[in-house]
Amino acid sequence: MKTDIFLQLLALSLGDLEKKLDDARRSLVKIRMGIAVGQQKDTSKYPKQKKYIAQILTAIQSKKLSVYPL
């Protein structure tokens, strides 16, 4: 199941991955600020979002290096 997300990311183009990365980073900031001001009760979203960003960055790097032929 965890690799399903990564495979879906690999199927996207570099432009789409860059857009997803930008959106994910913006979301991470919103989560961080929500935790800081006490609006965000579910603090487990923060590490999950960081992991998602890492997966996007890995997919981008894999595409740039042509590691995965998708």
N, C-alpha and C. Protein backbone atom coordinates (compact mmCIF):
# COMPACT_ATOMS: atom_id res chain seq x y z
N MET A 1 0.80 -1.19 0.00
CA MET A 1 0.00 0.00 0.00
C MET A 1 0.85 1.27 0.00
N LYS A 2 1.91 1.27 0.79
CA LYS A 2 2.74 2.46 0.86
C LYS A 2 3.40 2.75 -0.48
N THR A 3 3.73 1.73 -1.23
CA THR A 3 4.38 1.95 -2.52
C THR A 3 3.38 2.42 -3.56
N ASP A 4 2.09 2.22 -3.31
CA ASP A 4 1.09 2.68 -4.26
C ASP A 4 1.17 4.20 -4.45
N ILE A 5 1.35 4.92 -3.36
CA ILE A 5 1.45 6.37 -3.44
C ILE A 5 2.69 6.75 -4.25
N PHE A 6 3.80 6.07 -3.97
CA PHE A 6 5.04 6.37 -4.69
C PHE A 6 4.90 6.05 -6.17
N LEU A 7 4.26 4.94 -6.51
CA LEU A 7 4.07 4.58 -7.92
C LEU A 7 3.16 5.60 -8.62
N GLN A 8 2.16 6.09 -7.90
CA GLN A 8 1.30 7.13 -8.47
C GLN A 8 2.09 8.41 -8.72
N LEU A 9 2.99 8.72 -7.80
CA LEU A 9 3.82 9.91 -7.99
C LEU A 9 4.77 9.74 -9.17
N LEU A 10 5.31 8.55 -9.34
CA LEU A 10 6.23 8.30 -10.45
C LEU A 10 5.53 8.42 -11.80
N ALA A 11 4.23 8.18 -11.82
CA ALA A 11 3.48 8.25 -13.07
C ALA A 11 3.23 9.70 -13.51
N LEU A 12 3.43 10.65 -12.61
CA LEU A 12 3.19 12.06 -12.93
C LEU A 12 4.40 12.66 -13.64
N SER A 13 4.16 13.75 -14.34
CA SER A 13 5.26 14.46 -15.01
C SER A 13 6.01 15.31 -13.98
N LEU A 14 7.18 15.79 -14.38
CA LEU A 14 7.98 16.63 -13.48
C LEU A 14 7.23 17.90 -13.09
N GLY A 15 6.52 18.48 -14.03
CA GLY A 15 5.76 19.69 -13.73
C GLY A 15 4.68 19.45 -12.70
N ASP A 16 3.98 18.32 -12.84
CA ASP A 16 2.94 17.97 -11.87
C ASP A 16 3.55 17.69 -10.50
N LEU A 17 4.70 17.04 -10.49
CA LEU A 17 5.36 16.75 -9.22
C LEU A 17 5.81 18.04 -8.53
N GLU A 18 6.30 18.99 -9.31
CA GLU A 18 6.72 20.28 -8.74
C GLU A 18 5.51 21.00 -8.13
N LYS A 19 4.37 20.92 -8.81
CA LYS A 19 3.15 21.56 -8.29
C LYS A 19 2.70 20.88 -7.01
N LYS A 20 2.73 19.55 -7.00
CA LYS A 20 2.36 18.81 -5.79
C LYS A 20 3.30 19.14 -4.64
N LEU A 21 4.58 19.30 -4.95
CA LEU A 21 5.55 19.63 -3.92
C LEU A 21 5.25 21.01 -3.32
N ASP A 22 4.93 21.96 -4.16
CA ASP A 22 4.60 23.30 -3.69
C ASP A 22 3.35 23.26 -2.81
N ASP A 23 2.33 22.54 -3.25
CA ASP A 23 1.09 22.43 -2.48
C ASP A 23 1.34 21.73 -1.14
N ALA A 24 2.15 20.68 -1.15
CA ALA A 24 2.44 19.94 0.07
C ALA A 24 3.22 20.78 1.06
N ARG A 25 4.15 21.58 0.56
CA ARG A 25 4.92 22.45 1.46
C ARG A 25 4.04 23.54 2.06
N ARG A 26 3.12 24.07 1.27
CA ARG A 26 2.18 25.07 1.80
C ARG A 26 1.30 24.44 2.87
N SER A 27 0.86 23.23 2.62
CA SER A 27 0.03 22.52 3.58
C SER A 27 0.80 22.25 4.87
N LEU A 28 2.08 21.93 4.75
CA LEU A 28 2.91 21.69 5.92
C LEU A 28 3.00 22.94 6.79
N VAL A 29 3.15 24.09 6.16
CA VAL A 29 3.21 25.35 6.91
C VAL A 29 1.89 25.60 7.63
N LYS A 30 0.78 25.33 6.95
CA LYS A 30 -0.53 25.53 7.58
C LYS A 30 -0.70 24.61 8.78
N ILE A 31 -0.26 23.37 8.64
CA ILE A 31 -0.36 22.41 9.75
C ILE A 31 0.51 22.88 10.91
N ARG A 32 1.74 23.30 10.61
CA ARG A 32 2.66 23.76 11.64
C ARG A 32 2.09 24.96 12.38
N MET A 33 1.52 25.91 11.65
CA MET A 33 0.95 27.08 12.28
C MET A 33 -0.29 26.72 13.10
N GLY A 34 -1.08 25.79 12.60
CA GLY A 34 -2.25 25.34 13.34
C GLY A 34 -1.87 24.70 14.66
N ILE A 35 -0.80 23.94 14.66
CA ILE A 35 -0.32 23.32 15.89
C ILE A 35 0.18 24.40 16.85
N ALA A 36 0.90 25.38 16.31
CA ALA A 36 1.49 26.43 17.15
C ALA A 36 0.44 27.27 17.86
N VAL A 37 -0.66 27.56 17.17
CA VAL A 37 -1.69 28.40 17.79
C VAL A 37 -2.78 27.60 18.48
N GLY A 38 -2.68 26.28 18.42
CA GLY A 38 -3.62 25.42 19.12
C GLY A 38 -4.88 25.08 18.36
N GLN A 39 -4.96 25.42 17.09
CA GLN A 39 -6.14 25.10 16.30
C GLN A 39 -6.11 23.65 15.82
N GLN A 40 -4.92 23.13 15.58
CA GLN A 40 -4.76 21.77 15.06
C GLN A 40 -4.64 20.80 16.24
N LYS A 41 -5.65 19.95 16.40
CA LYS A 41 -5.63 18.99 17.49
C LYS A 41 -4.90 17.71 17.11
N ASP A 42 -4.96 17.35 15.84
CA ASP A 42 -4.32 16.13 15.38
C ASP A 42 -2.89 16.43 14.93
N THR A 43 -1.96 16.28 15.84
CA THR A 43 -0.56 16.61 15.54
C THR A 43 0.12 15.53 14.71
N SER A 44 -0.53 14.41 14.48
CA SER A 44 0.08 13.34 13.67
C SER A 44 0.09 13.69 12.19
N LYS A 45 -0.63 14.72 11.80
CA LYS A 45 -0.65 15.13 10.39
C LYS A 45 0.70 15.71 9.96
N TYR A 46 1.42 16.32 10.91
CA TYR A 46 2.69 16.96 10.58
C TYR A 46 3.73 15.97 10.08
N PRO A 47 4.03 14.87 10.81
CA PRO A 47 5.02 13.93 10.28
C PRO A 47 4.55 13.20 9.02
N LYS A 48 3.24 12.99 8.90
CA LYS A 48 2.71 12.36 7.68
C LYS A 48 2.95 13.25 6.47
N GLN A 49 2.75 14.55 6.65
CA GLN A 49 2.95 15.49 5.54
C GLN A 49 4.43 15.57 5.18
N LYS A 50 5.30 15.54 6.19
CA LYS A 50 6.73 15.56 5.92
C LYS A 50 7.15 14.32 5.13
N LYS A 51 6.57 13.18 5.46
CA LYS A 51 6.88 11.94 4.74
C LYS A 51 6.39 12.03 3.29
N TYR A 52 5.22 12.61 3.09
CA TYR A 52 4.68 12.77 1.75
C TYR A 52 5.59 13.68 0.91
N ILE A 53 6.09 14.75 1.52
CA ILE A 53 7.01 15.65 0.83
C ILE A 53 8.28 14.90 0.45
N ALA A 54 8.77 14.06 1.34
CA ALA A 54 9.97 13.27 1.05
C ALA A 54 9.72 12.31 -0.12
N GLN A 55 8.54 11.74 -0.18
CA GLN A 55 8.21 10.85 -1.30
C GLN A 55 8.16 11.62 -2.61
N ILE A 56 7.62 12.81 -2.59
CA ILE A 56 7.57 13.63 -3.80
C ILE A 56 8.99 13.98 -4.24
N LEU A 57 9.83 14.39 -3.29
CA LEU A 57 11.21 14.73 -3.63
C LEU A 57 11.96 13.53 -4.18
N THR A 58 11.71 12.35 -3.64
CA THR A 58 12.34 11.13 -4.15
C THR A 58 11.88 10.83 -5.57
N ALA A 59 10.59 11.01 -5.83
CA ALA A 59 10.07 10.78 -7.18
C ALA A 59 10.68 11.78 -8.17
N ILE A 60 10.81 13.04 -7.76
CA ILE A 60 11.41 14.04 -8.63
C ILE A 60 12.86 13.68 -8.95
N GLN A 61 13.62 13.32 -7.92
CA GLN A 61 15.02 12.96 -8.13
C GLN A 61 15.15 11.71 -9.00
N SER A 62 14.26 10.74 -8.79
CA SER A 62 14.28 9.51 -9.59
C SER A 62 14.01 9.82 -11.06
N LYS A 63 13.09 10.73 -11.31
CA LYS A 63 12.80 11.10 -12.69
C LYS A 63 13.96 11.84 -13.32
N LYS A 64 14.60 12.72 -12.56
CA LYS A 64 15.73 13.47 -13.09
C LYS A 64 16.90 12.56 -13.42
N LEU A 65 17.08 11.53 -12.61
CA LEU A 65 18.18 10.59 -12.83
C LEU A 65 17.77 9.41 -13.72
N SER A 66 16.51 9.36 -14.10
CA SER A 66 15.94 8.28 -14.90
C SER A 66 16.17 6.91 -14.25
N VAL A 67 15.97 6.85 -12.95
CA VAL A 67 16.11 5.59 -12.22
C VAL A 67 14.96 4.65 -12.54
N TYR A 68 13.74 5.22 -12.55
CA TYR A 68 12.55 4.44 -12.85
C TYR A 68 12.08 4.82 -14.25
N PRO A 69 11.87 3.86 -15.13
CA PRO A 69 11.52 4.16 -16.51
C PRO A 69 10.08 4.54 -16.75
N LEU A 70 9.28 4.81 -15.70
CA LEU A 70 7.88 5.14 -15.90
C LEU A 70 7.69 6.50 -16.51
